Amino acid sequence: MLLDGALAGTGRRGGPTRATIYSRLETQIEEPRTRLTALVDTGMSLTALRAAARRGRLEATQRSDGQWLSTRRAVEQYMESRPRSG
């Protein structure tokens, strides 16, 4: 028998509860992750986005095949956090 809160978010069989699953799905539906190549614009190169992701400055994940995934919102937040040049 498990202590209350020992494995928060787990169901009777050890897997995630329905509420946990629905919460994760809702987040993924609202803001799908896309490849960094699709998020590049004139203000930021693909090389710069990859470097930011590697350094942990851009919220992104790397798939097992090496592709970086992020969201438009994460890229916008990163762009706003960078110091203005000029």
PDB file of N, CA and C in Angstrom:
ATOM      1  N   MET A   1       0.832  -1.177   0.000  1.00  0.00           N
ATOM      2  CA  MET A   1       0.000   0.000   0.000  1.00  0.00           C
ATOM      3  C   MET A   1       0.881   1.247   0.000  1.00  0.00           C
ATOM      4  N   LEU A   2       0.547   2.196  -0.866  1.00  0.00           N
ATOM      5  CA  LEU A   2       1.329   3.422  -0.985  1.00  0.00           C
ATOM      6  C   LEU A   2       0.884   4.462   0.023  1.00  0.00           C
ATOM      7  N   LEU A   3       1.817   5.241   0.487  1.00  0.00           N
ATOM      8  CA  LEU A   3       1.483   6.370   1.346  1.00  0.00           C
ATOM      9  C   LEU A   3       0.860   7.466   0.504  1.00  0.00           C
ATOM     10  N   ASP A   4      -0.037   8.238   1.087  1.00  0.00           N
ATOM     11  CA  ASP A   4      -0.662   9.336   0.349  1.00  0.00           C
ATOM     12  C   ASP A   4       0.402  10.294  -0.155  1.00  0.00           C
ATOM     13  N   GLY A   5       0.345  10.608  -1.446  1.00  0.00           N
ATOM     14  CA  GLY A   5       1.282  11.556  -2.031  1.00  0.00           C
ATOM     15  C   GLY A   5       2.624  10.957  -2.385  1.00  0.00           C
ATOM     16  N   ALA A   6       2.828   9.656  -2.151  1.00  0.00           N
ATOM     17  CA  ALA A   6       4.116   9.042  -2.446  1.00  0.00           C
ATOM     18  C   ALA A   6       4.415   9.100  -3.935  1.00  0.00           C
ATOM     19  N   LEU A   7       3.412   8.843  -4.730  1.00  0.00           N
ATOM     20  CA  LEU A   7       3.561   8.919  -6.178  1.00  0.00           C
ATOM     21  C   LEU A   7       2.430   9.769  -6.732  1.00  0.00           C
ATOM     22  N   ALA A   8       2.524  11.039  -6.530  1.00  0.00           N
ATOM     23  CA  ALA A   8       1.470  11.954  -6.974  1.00  0.00           C
ATOM     24  C   ALA A   8       1.257  11.828  -8.467  1.00  0.00           C
ATOM     25  N   GLY A   9       0.001  11.797  -8.868  1.00  0.00           N
ATOM     26  CA  GLY A   9      -0.329  11.713 -10.288  1.00  0.00           C
ATOM     27  C   GLY A   9      -0.368  10.294 -10.824  1.00  0.00           C
ATOM     28  N   THR A  10      -0.244   9.303  -9.965  1.00  0.00           N
ATOM     29  CA  THR A  10      -0.307   7.926 -10.430  1.00  0.00           C
ATOM     30  C   THR A  10      -1.627   7.300 -10.022  1.00  0.00           C
ATOM     31  N   GLY A  11      -2.117   6.438 -10.870  1.00  0.00           N
ATOM     32  CA  GLY A  11      -3.376   5.759 -10.611  1.00  0.00           C
ATOM     33  C   GLY A  11      -3.169   4.481  -9.819  1.00  0.00           C
ATOM     34  N   ARG A  12      -4.235   3.710  -9.683  1.00  0.00           N
ATOM     35  CA  ARG A  12      -4.181   2.475  -8.893  1.00  0.00           C
ATOM     36  C   ARG A  12      -3.202   1.466  -9.480  1.00  0.00           C
ATOM     37  N   ARG A  13      -3.042   1.470 -10.784  1.00  0.00           N
ATOM     38  CA  ARG A  13      -2.179   0.481 -11.426  1.00  0.00           C
ATOM     39  C   ARG A  13      -0.759   1.001 -11.649  1.00  0.00           C
ATOM     40  N   GLY A  14      -0.432   2.152 -11.118  1.00  0.00           N
ATOM     41  CA  GLY A  14       0.922   2.669 -11.234  1.00  0.00           C
ATOM     42  C   GLY A  14       1.144   3.616 -12.396  1.00  0.00           C
ATOM     43  N   GLY A  15       0.196   3.687 -13.320  1.00  0.00           N
ATOM     44  CA  GLY A  15       0.308   4.608 -14.440  1.00  0.00           C
ATOM     45  C   GLY A  15      -0.258   5.961 -14.079  1.00  0.00           C
ATOM     46  N   PRO A  16      -0.153   6.935 -14.977  1.00  0.00           N
ATOM     47  CA  PRO A  16      -0.697   8.256 -14.691  1.00  0.00           C
ATOM     48  C   PRO A  16      -2.224   8.222 -14.597  1.00  0.00           C
ATOM     49  N   THR A  17      -2.781   9.103 -13.798  1.00  0.00           N
ATOM     50  CA  THR A  17      -4.233   9.193 -13.675  1.00  0.00           C
ATOM     51  C   THR A  17      -4.811   9.857 -14.921  1.00  0.00           C
ATOM     52  N   ARG A  18      -6.102   9.733 -15.087  1.00  0.00           N
ATOM     53  CA  ARG A  18      -6.761  10.383 -16.230  1.00  0.00           C
ATOM     54  C   ARG A  18      -6.559  11.887 -16.189  1.00  0.00           C
ATOM     55  N   ALA A  19      -6.652  12.463 -15.007  1.00  0.00           N
ATOM     56  CA  ALA A  19      -6.477  13.914 -14.876  1.00  0.00           C
ATOM     57  C   ALA A  19      -5.085  14.332 -15.339  1.00  0.00           C
ATOM     58  N   THR A  20      -4.076  13.541 -14.991  1.00  0.00           N
ATOM     59  CA  THR A  20      -2.712  13.844 -15.409  1.00  0.00           C
ATOM     60  C   THR A  20      -2.579  13.746 -16.925  1.00  0.00           C
ATOM     61  N   ILE A  21      -3.143  12.705 -17.496  1.00  0.00           N
ATOM     62  CA  ILE A  21      -3.082  12.509 -18.951  1.00  0.00           C
ATOM     63  C   ILE A  21      -3.783  13.652 -19.675  1.00  0.00           C
ATOM     64  N   TYR A  22      -4.985  14.015 -19.231  1.00  0.00           N
ATOM     65  CA  TYR A  22      -5.724  15.093 -19.878  1.00  0.00           C
ATOM     66  C   TYR A  22      -5.006  16.426 -19.745  1.00  0.00           C
ATOM     67  N   SER A  23      -4.380  16.649 -18.619  1.00  0.00           N
ATOM     68  CA  SER A  23      -3.619  17.882 -18.423  1.00  0.00           C
ATOM     69  C   SER A  23      -2.458  17.959 -19.407  1.00  0.00           C
ATOM     70  N   ARG A  24      -1.741  16.860 -19.567  1.00  0.00           N
ATOM     71  CA  ARG A  24      -0.623  16.826 -20.520  1.00  0.00           C
ATOM     72  C   ARG A  24      -1.105  17.035 -21.950  1.00  0.00           C
ATOM     73  N   LEU A  25      -2.201  16.366 -22.314  1.00  0.00           N
ATOM     74  CA  LEU A  25      -2.739  16.506 -23.661  1.00  0.00           C
ATOM     75  C   LEU A  25      -3.182  17.937 -23.941  1.00  0.00           C
ATOM     76  N   GLU A  26      -3.830  18.553 -22.969  1.00  0.00           N
ATOM     77  CA  GLU A  26      -4.297  19.929 -23.138  1.00  0.00           C
ATOM     78  C   GLU A  26      -3.120  20.868 -23.417  1.00  0.00           C
ATOM     79  N   THR A  27      -2.039  20.692 -22.681  1.00  0.00           N
ATOM     80  CA  THR A  27      -0.850  21.516 -22.886  1.00  0.00           C
ATOM     81  C   THR A  27      -0.283  21.296 -24.277  1.00  0.00           C
ATOM     82  N   GLN A  28      -0.209  20.049 -24.711  1.00  0.00           N
ATOM     83  CA  GLN A  28       0.357  19.739 -26.023  1.00  0.00           C
ATOM     84  C   GLN A  28      -0.526  20.225 -27.163  1.00  0.00           C
ATOM     85  N   ILE A  29      -1.837  20.202 -26.970  1.00  0.00           N
ATOM     86  CA  ILE A  29      -2.752  20.674 -28.008  1.00  0.00           C
ATOM     87  C   ILE A  29      -2.689  22.190 -28.119  1.00  0.00           C
ATOM     88  N   GLU A  30      -2.638  22.869 -26.976  1.00  0.00           N
ATOM     89  CA  GLU A  30      -2.599  24.331 -26.980  1.00  0.00           C
ATOM     90  C   GLU A  30      -1.337  24.856 -27.638  1.00  0.00           C
ATOM     91  N   GLU A  31      -0.227  24.202 -27.401  1.00  0.00           N
ATOM     92  CA  GLU A  31       1.037  24.717 -27.897  1.00  0.00           C
ATOM     93  C   GLU A  31       1.916  23.574 -28.394  1.00  0.00           C
ATOM     94  N   PRO A  32       1.693  23.149 -29.630  1.00  0.00           N
ATOM     95  CA  PRO A  32       2.484  22.036 -30.148  1.00  0.00           C
ATOM     96  C   PRO A  32       3.941  22.447 -30.370  1.00  0.00           C
ATOM     97  N   ARG A  33       4.829  21.516 -30.171  1.00  0.00           N
ATOM     98  CA  ARG A  33       6.244  21.777 -30.417  1.00  0.00           C
ATOM     99  C   ARG A  33       6.529  21.543 -31.897  1.00  0.00           C
ATOM    100  N   THR A  34       7.304  22.420 -32.475  1.00  0.00           N
ATOM    101  CA  THR A  34       7.674  22.296 -33.869  1.00  0.00           C
ATOM    102  C   THR A  34       9.190  22.359 -33.999  1.00  0.00           C
ATOM    103  N   ARG A  35       9.674  21.972 -35.157  1.00  0.00           N
ATOM    104  CA  ARG A  35      11.114  22.013 -35.408  1.00  0.00           C
ATOM    105  C   ARG A  35      11.608  23.443 -35.392  1.00  0.00           C
ATOM    106  N   LEU A  36      12.835  23.613 -34.927  1.00  0.00           N
ATOM    107  CA  LEU A  36      13.418  24.954 -34.907  1.00  0.00           C
ATOM    108  C   LEU A  36      13.492  25.553 -36.309  1.00  0.00           C
ATOM    109  N   THR A  37      13.673  24.711 -37.322  1.00  0.00           N
ATOM    110  CA  THR A  37      13.754  25.231 -38.690  1.00  0.00           C
ATOM    111  C   THR A  37      12.491  25.986 -39.082  1.00  0.00           C
ATOM    112  N   ALA A  38      11.347  25.579 -38.542  1.00  0.00           N
ATOM    113  CA  ALA A  38      10.085  26.258 -38.855  1.00  0.00           C
ATOM    114  C   ALA A  38       9.898  27.532 -38.036  1.00  0.00           C
ATOM    115  N   LEU A  39      10.707  27.710 -36.985  1.00  0.00           N
ATOM    116  CA  LEU A  39      10.558  28.865 -36.106  1.00  0.00           C
ATOM    117  C   LEU A  39      11.554  29.976 -36.410  1.00  0.00           C
ATOM    118  N   VAL A  40      12.416  29.772 -37.397  1.00  0.00           N
ATOM    119  CA  VAL A  40      13.417  30.776 -37.758  1.00  0.00           C
ATOM    120  C   VAL A  40      12.738  31.949 -38.455  1.00  0.00           C
ATOM    121  N   ASP A  41      13.156  33.159 -38.108  1.00  0.00           N
ATOM    122  CA  ASP A  41      12.680  34.345 -38.827  1.00  0.00           C
ATOM    123  C   ASP A  41      13.871  35.247 -39.118  1.00  0.00           C
ATOM    124  N   THR A  42      13.611  36.431 -39.619  1.00  0.00           N
ATOM    125  CA  THR A  42      14.703  37.317 -40.024  1.00  0.00           C
ATOM    126  C   THR A  42      15.536  37.808 -38.849  1.00  0.00           C
ATOM    127  N   GLY A  43      14.984  37.787 -37.648  1.00  0.00           N
ATOM    128  CA  GLY A  43      15.710  38.286 -36.489  1.00  0.00           C
ATOM    129  C   GLY A  43      16.644  37.267 -35.848  1.00  0.00           C
ATOM    130  N   MET A  44      16.542  35.992 -36.230  1.00  0.00           N
ATOM    131  CA  MET A  44      17.317  34.957 -35.566  1.00  0.00           C
ATOM    132  C   MET A  44      17.599  33.819 -36.538  1.00  0.00           C
ATOM    133  N   SER A  45      18.850  33.406 -36.626  1.00  0.00           N
ATOM    134  CA  SER A  45      19.227  32.306 -37.515  1.00  0.00           C
ATOM    135  C   SER A  45      19.012  30.959 -36.836  1.00  0.00           C
ATOM    136  N   LEU A  46      18.984  29.912 -37.625  1.00  0.00           N
ATOM    137  CA  LEU A  46      18.833  28.563 -37.103  1.00  0.00           C
ATOM    138  C   LEU A  46      20.029  28.205 -36.210  1.00  0.00           C
ATOM    139  N   THR A  47      21.209  28.606 -36.616  1.00  0.00           N
ATOM    140  CA  THR A  47      22.408  28.340 -35.818  1.00  0.00           C
ATOM    141  C   THR A  47      22.304  28.976 -34.445  1.00  0.00           C
ATOM    142  N   ALA A  48      21.813  30.204 -34.387  1.00  0.00           N
ATOM    143  CA  ALA A  48      21.673  30.909 -33.105  1.00  0.00           C
ATOM    144  C   ALA A  48      20.626  30.236 -32.220  1.00  0.00           C
ATOM    145  N   LEU A  49      19.520  29.781 -32.799  1.00  0.00           N
ATOM    146  CA  LEU A  49      18.489  29.095 -32.016  1.00  0.00           C
ATOM    147  C   LEU A  49      19.007  27.772 -31.468  1.00  0.00           C
ATOM    148  N   ARG A  50      19.754  27.034 -32.285  1.00  0.00           N
ATOM    149  CA  ARG A  50      20.324  25.765 -31.817  1.00  0.00           C
ATOM    150  C   ARG A  50      21.310  26.000 -30.678  1.00  0.00           C
ATOM    151  N   ALA A  51      22.133  27.029 -30.828  1.00  0.00           N
ATOM    152  CA  ALA A  51      23.107  27.347 -29.782  1.00  0.00           C
ATOM    153  C   ALA A  51      22.400  27.727 -28.481  1.00  0.00           C
ATOM    154  N   ALA A  52      21.334  28.512 -28.589  1.00  0.00           N
ATOM    155  CA  ALA A  52      20.567  28.905 -27.402  1.00  0.00           C
ATOM    156  C   ALA A  52      19.933  27.681 -26.747  1.00  0.00           C
ATOM    157  N   ALA A  53      19.436  26.755 -27.547  1.00  0.00           N
ATOM    158  CA  ALA A  53      18.829  25.537 -27.009  1.00  0.00           C
ATOM    159  C   ALA A  53      19.881  24.693 -26.296  1.00  0.00           C
ATOM    160  N   ARG A  54      21.062  24.553 -26.902  1.00  0.00           N
ATOM    161  CA  ARG A  54      22.128  23.768 -26.283  1.00  0.00           C
ATOM    162  C   ARG A  54      22.575  24.370 -24.956  1.00  0.00           C
ATOM    163  N   ARG A  55      22.598  25.701 -24.892  1.00  0.00           N
ATOM    164  CA  ARG A  55      23.037  26.385 -23.678  1.00  0.00           C
ATOM    165  C   ARG A  55      21.942  26.463 -22.616  1.00  0.00           C
ATOM    166  N   GLY A  56      20.725  26.051 -22.973  1.00  0.00           N
ATOM    167  CA  GLY A  56      19.624  26.084 -22.028  1.00  0.00           C
ATOM    168  C   GLY A  56      18.941  27.435 -21.927  1.00  0.00           C
ATOM    169  N   ARG A  57      19.232  28.328 -22.837  1.00  0.00           N
ATOM    170  CA  ARG A  57      18.615  29.658 -22.813  1.00  0.00           C
ATOM    171  C   ARG A  57      17.279  29.690 -23.547  1.00  0.00           C
ATOM    172  N   LEU A  58      17.056  28.704 -24.402  1.00  0.00           N
ATOM    173  CA  LEU A  58      15.800  28.570 -25.138  1.00  0.00           C
ATOM    174  C   LEU A  58      15.131  27.290 -24.672  1.00  0.00           C
ATOM    175  N   GLU A  59      13.870  27.385 -24.284  1.00  0.00           N
ATOM    176  CA  GLU A  59      13.121  26.203 -23.854  1.00  0.00           C
ATOM    177  C   GLU A  59      12.886  25.319 -25.075  1.00  0.00           C
ATOM    178  N   ALA A  60      13.602  24.217 -25.140  1.00  0.00           N
ATOM    179  CA  ALA A  60      13.517  23.311 -26.283  1.00  0.00           C
ATOM    180  C   ALA A  60      13.900  21.908 -25.846  1.00  0.00           C
ATOM    181  N   THR A  61      13.491  20.928 -26.641  1.00  0.00           N
ATOM    182  CA  THR A  61      13.875  19.541 -26.391  1.00  0.00           C
ATOM    183  C   THR A  61      14.495  18.987 -27.658  1.00  0.00           C
ATOM    184  N   GLN A  62      15.402  18.033 -27.480  1.00  0.00           N
ATOM    185  CA  GLN A  62      16.046  17.413 -28.626  1.00  0.00           C
ATOM    186  C   GLN A  62      15.568  15.978 -28.750  1.00  0.00           C
ATOM    187  N   ARG A  63      15.065  15.640 -29.939  1.00  0.00           N
ATOM    188  CA  ARG A  63      14.607  14.277 -30.181  1.00  0.00           C
ATOM    189  C   ARG A  63      15.807  13.348 -30.327  1.00  0.00           C
ATOM    190  N   SER A  64      15.553  12.068 -30.309  1.00  0.00           N
ATOM    191  CA  SER A  64      16.634  11.084 -30.428  1.00  0.00           C
ATOM    192  C   SER A  64      17.331  11.155 -31.778  1.00  0.00           C
ATOM    193  N   ASP A  65      16.649  11.694 -32.805  1.00  0.00           N
ATOM    194  CA  ASP A  65      17.276  11.827 -34.122  1.00  0.00           C
ATOM    195  C   ASP A  65      18.050  13.135 -34.275  1.00  0.00           C
ATOM    196  N   GLY A  66      18.128  13.933 -33.192  1.00  0.00           N
ATOM    197  CA  GLY A  66      18.910  15.168 -33.221  1.00  0.00           C
ATOM    198  C   GLY A  66      18.110  16.422 -33.518  1.00  0.00           C
ATOM    199  N   GLN A  67      16.863  16.292 -33.924  1.00  0.00           N
ATOM    200  CA  GLN A  67      16.018  17.445 -34.224  1.00  0.00           C
ATOM    201  C   GLN A  67      15.664  18.190 -32.946  1.00  0.00           C
ATOM    202  N   TRP A  68      15.784  19.509 -32.978  1.00  0.00           N
ATOM    203  CA  TRP A  68      15.379  20.346 -31.852  1.00  0.00           C
ATOM    204  C   TRP A  68      13.937  20.758 -32.035  1.00  0.00           C
ATOM    205  N   LEU A  69      13.131  20.692 -30.969  1.00  0.00           N
ATOM    206  CA  LEU A  69      11.734  21.084 -30.995  1.00  0.00           C
ATOM    207  C   LEU A  69      11.504  22.182 -29.961  1.00  0.00           C
ATOM    208  N   SER A  70      10.713  23.166 -30.333  1.00  0.00           N
ATOM    209  CA  SER A  70      10.369  24.237 -29.412  1.00  0.00           C
ATOM    210  C   SER A  70       9.026  24.819 -29.833  1.00  0.00           C
ATOM    211  N   THR A  71       8.637  25.906 -29.188  1.00  0.00           N
ATOM    212  CA  THR A  71       7.375  26.561 -29.517  1.00  0.00           C
ATOM    213  C   THR A  71       7.644  28.000 -29.939  1.00  0.00           C
ATOM    214  N   ARG A  72       6.706  28.575 -30.655  1.00  0.00           N
ATOM    215  CA  ARG A  72       6.829  29.970 -31.082  1.00  0.00           C
ATOM    216  C   ARG A  72       6.929  30.879 -29.854  1.00  0.00           C
ATOM    217  N   ARG A  73       6.143  30.573 -28.827  1.00  0.00           N
ATOM    218  CA  ARG A  73       6.160  31.382 -27.608  1.00  0.00           C
ATOM    219  C   ARG A  73       7.541  31.347 -26.942  1.00  0.00           C
ATOM    220  N   ALA A  74       8.172  30.159 -26.893  1.00  0.00           N
ATOM    221  CA  ALA A  74       9.501  30.044 -26.284  1.00  0.00           C
ATOM    222  C   ALA A  74      10.532  30.854 -27.056  1.00  0.00           C
ATOM    223  N   VAL A  75      10.438  30.846 -28.382  1.00  0.00           N
ATOM    224  CA  VAL A  75      11.370  31.630 -29.207  1.00  0.00           C
ATOM    225  C   VAL A  75      11.141  33.119 -28.974  1.00  0.00           C
ATOM    226  N   GLU A  76       9.875  33.542 -28.899  1.00  0.00           N
ATOM    227  CA  GLU A  76       9.574  34.956 -28.642  1.00  0.00           C
ATOM    228  C   GLU A  76      10.088  35.392 -27.274  1.00  0.00           C
ATOM    229  N   GLN A  77       9.931  34.538 -26.267  1.00  0.00           N
ATOM    230  CA  GLN A  77      10.444  34.862 -24.937  1.00  0.00           C
ATOM    231  C   GLN A  77      11.962  34.975 -24.957  1.00  0.00           C
ATOM    232  N   TYR A  78      12.619  34.092 -25.686  1.00  0.00           N
ATOM    233  CA  TYR A  78      14.076  34.153 -25.794  1.00  0.00           C
ATOM    234  C   TYR A  78      14.501  35.450 -26.490  1.00  0.00           C
ATOM    235  N   MET A  79      13.812  35.802 -27.557  1.00  0.00           N
ATOM    236  CA  MET A  79      14.150  37.026 -28.299  1.00  0.00           C
ATOM    237  C   MET A  79      13.993  38.260 -27.400  1.00  0.00           C
ATOM    238  N   GLU A  80      12.943  38.294 -26.583  1.00  0.00           N
ATOM    239  CA  GLU A  80      12.709  39.427 -25.686  1.00  0.00           C
ATOM    240  C   GLU A  80      13.775  39.503 -24.589  1.00  0.00           C
ATOM    241  N   SER A  81      14.314  38.356 -24.180  1.00  0.00           N
ATOM    242  CA  SER A  81      15.296  38.339 -23.098  1.00  0.00           C
ATOM    243  C   SER A  81      16.700  38.743 -23.547  1.00  0.00           C
ATOM    244  N   ARG A  82      16.923  38.725 -24.850  1.00  0.00           N
ATOM    245  CA  ARG A  82      18.254  39.079 -25.362  1.00  0.00           C
ATOM    246  C   ARG A  82      18.459  40.589 -25.286  1.00  0.00           C
ATOM    247  N   PRO A  83      19.677  41.010 -24.970  1.00  0.00           N
ATOM    248  CA  PRO A  83      19.959  42.449 -24.945  1.00  0.00           C
ATOM    249  C   PRO A  83      19.880  43.028 -26.358  1.00  0.00           C
ATOM    250  N   ARG A  84      19.366  44.221 -26.438  1.00  0.00           N
ATOM    251  CA  ARG A  84      19.242  44.915 -27.731  1.00  0.00           C
ATOM    252  C   ARG A  84      20.602  45.401 -28.175  1.00  0.00           C
ATOM    253  N   SER A  85      20.928  45.194 -29.440  1.00  0.00           N
ATOM    254  CA  SER A  85      22.214  45.696 -29.955  1.00  0.00           C
ATOM    255  C   SER A  85      21.970  46.964 -30.755  1.00  0.00           C
ATOM    256  N   GLY A  86      22.980  47.779 -30.830  1.00  0.00           N
ATOM    257  CA  GLY A  86      22.851  48.963 -31.668  1.00  0.00           C
ATOM    258  C   GLY A  86      22.813  50.180 -30.915  1.00  0.00           C
TER     259      GLY A  86
END
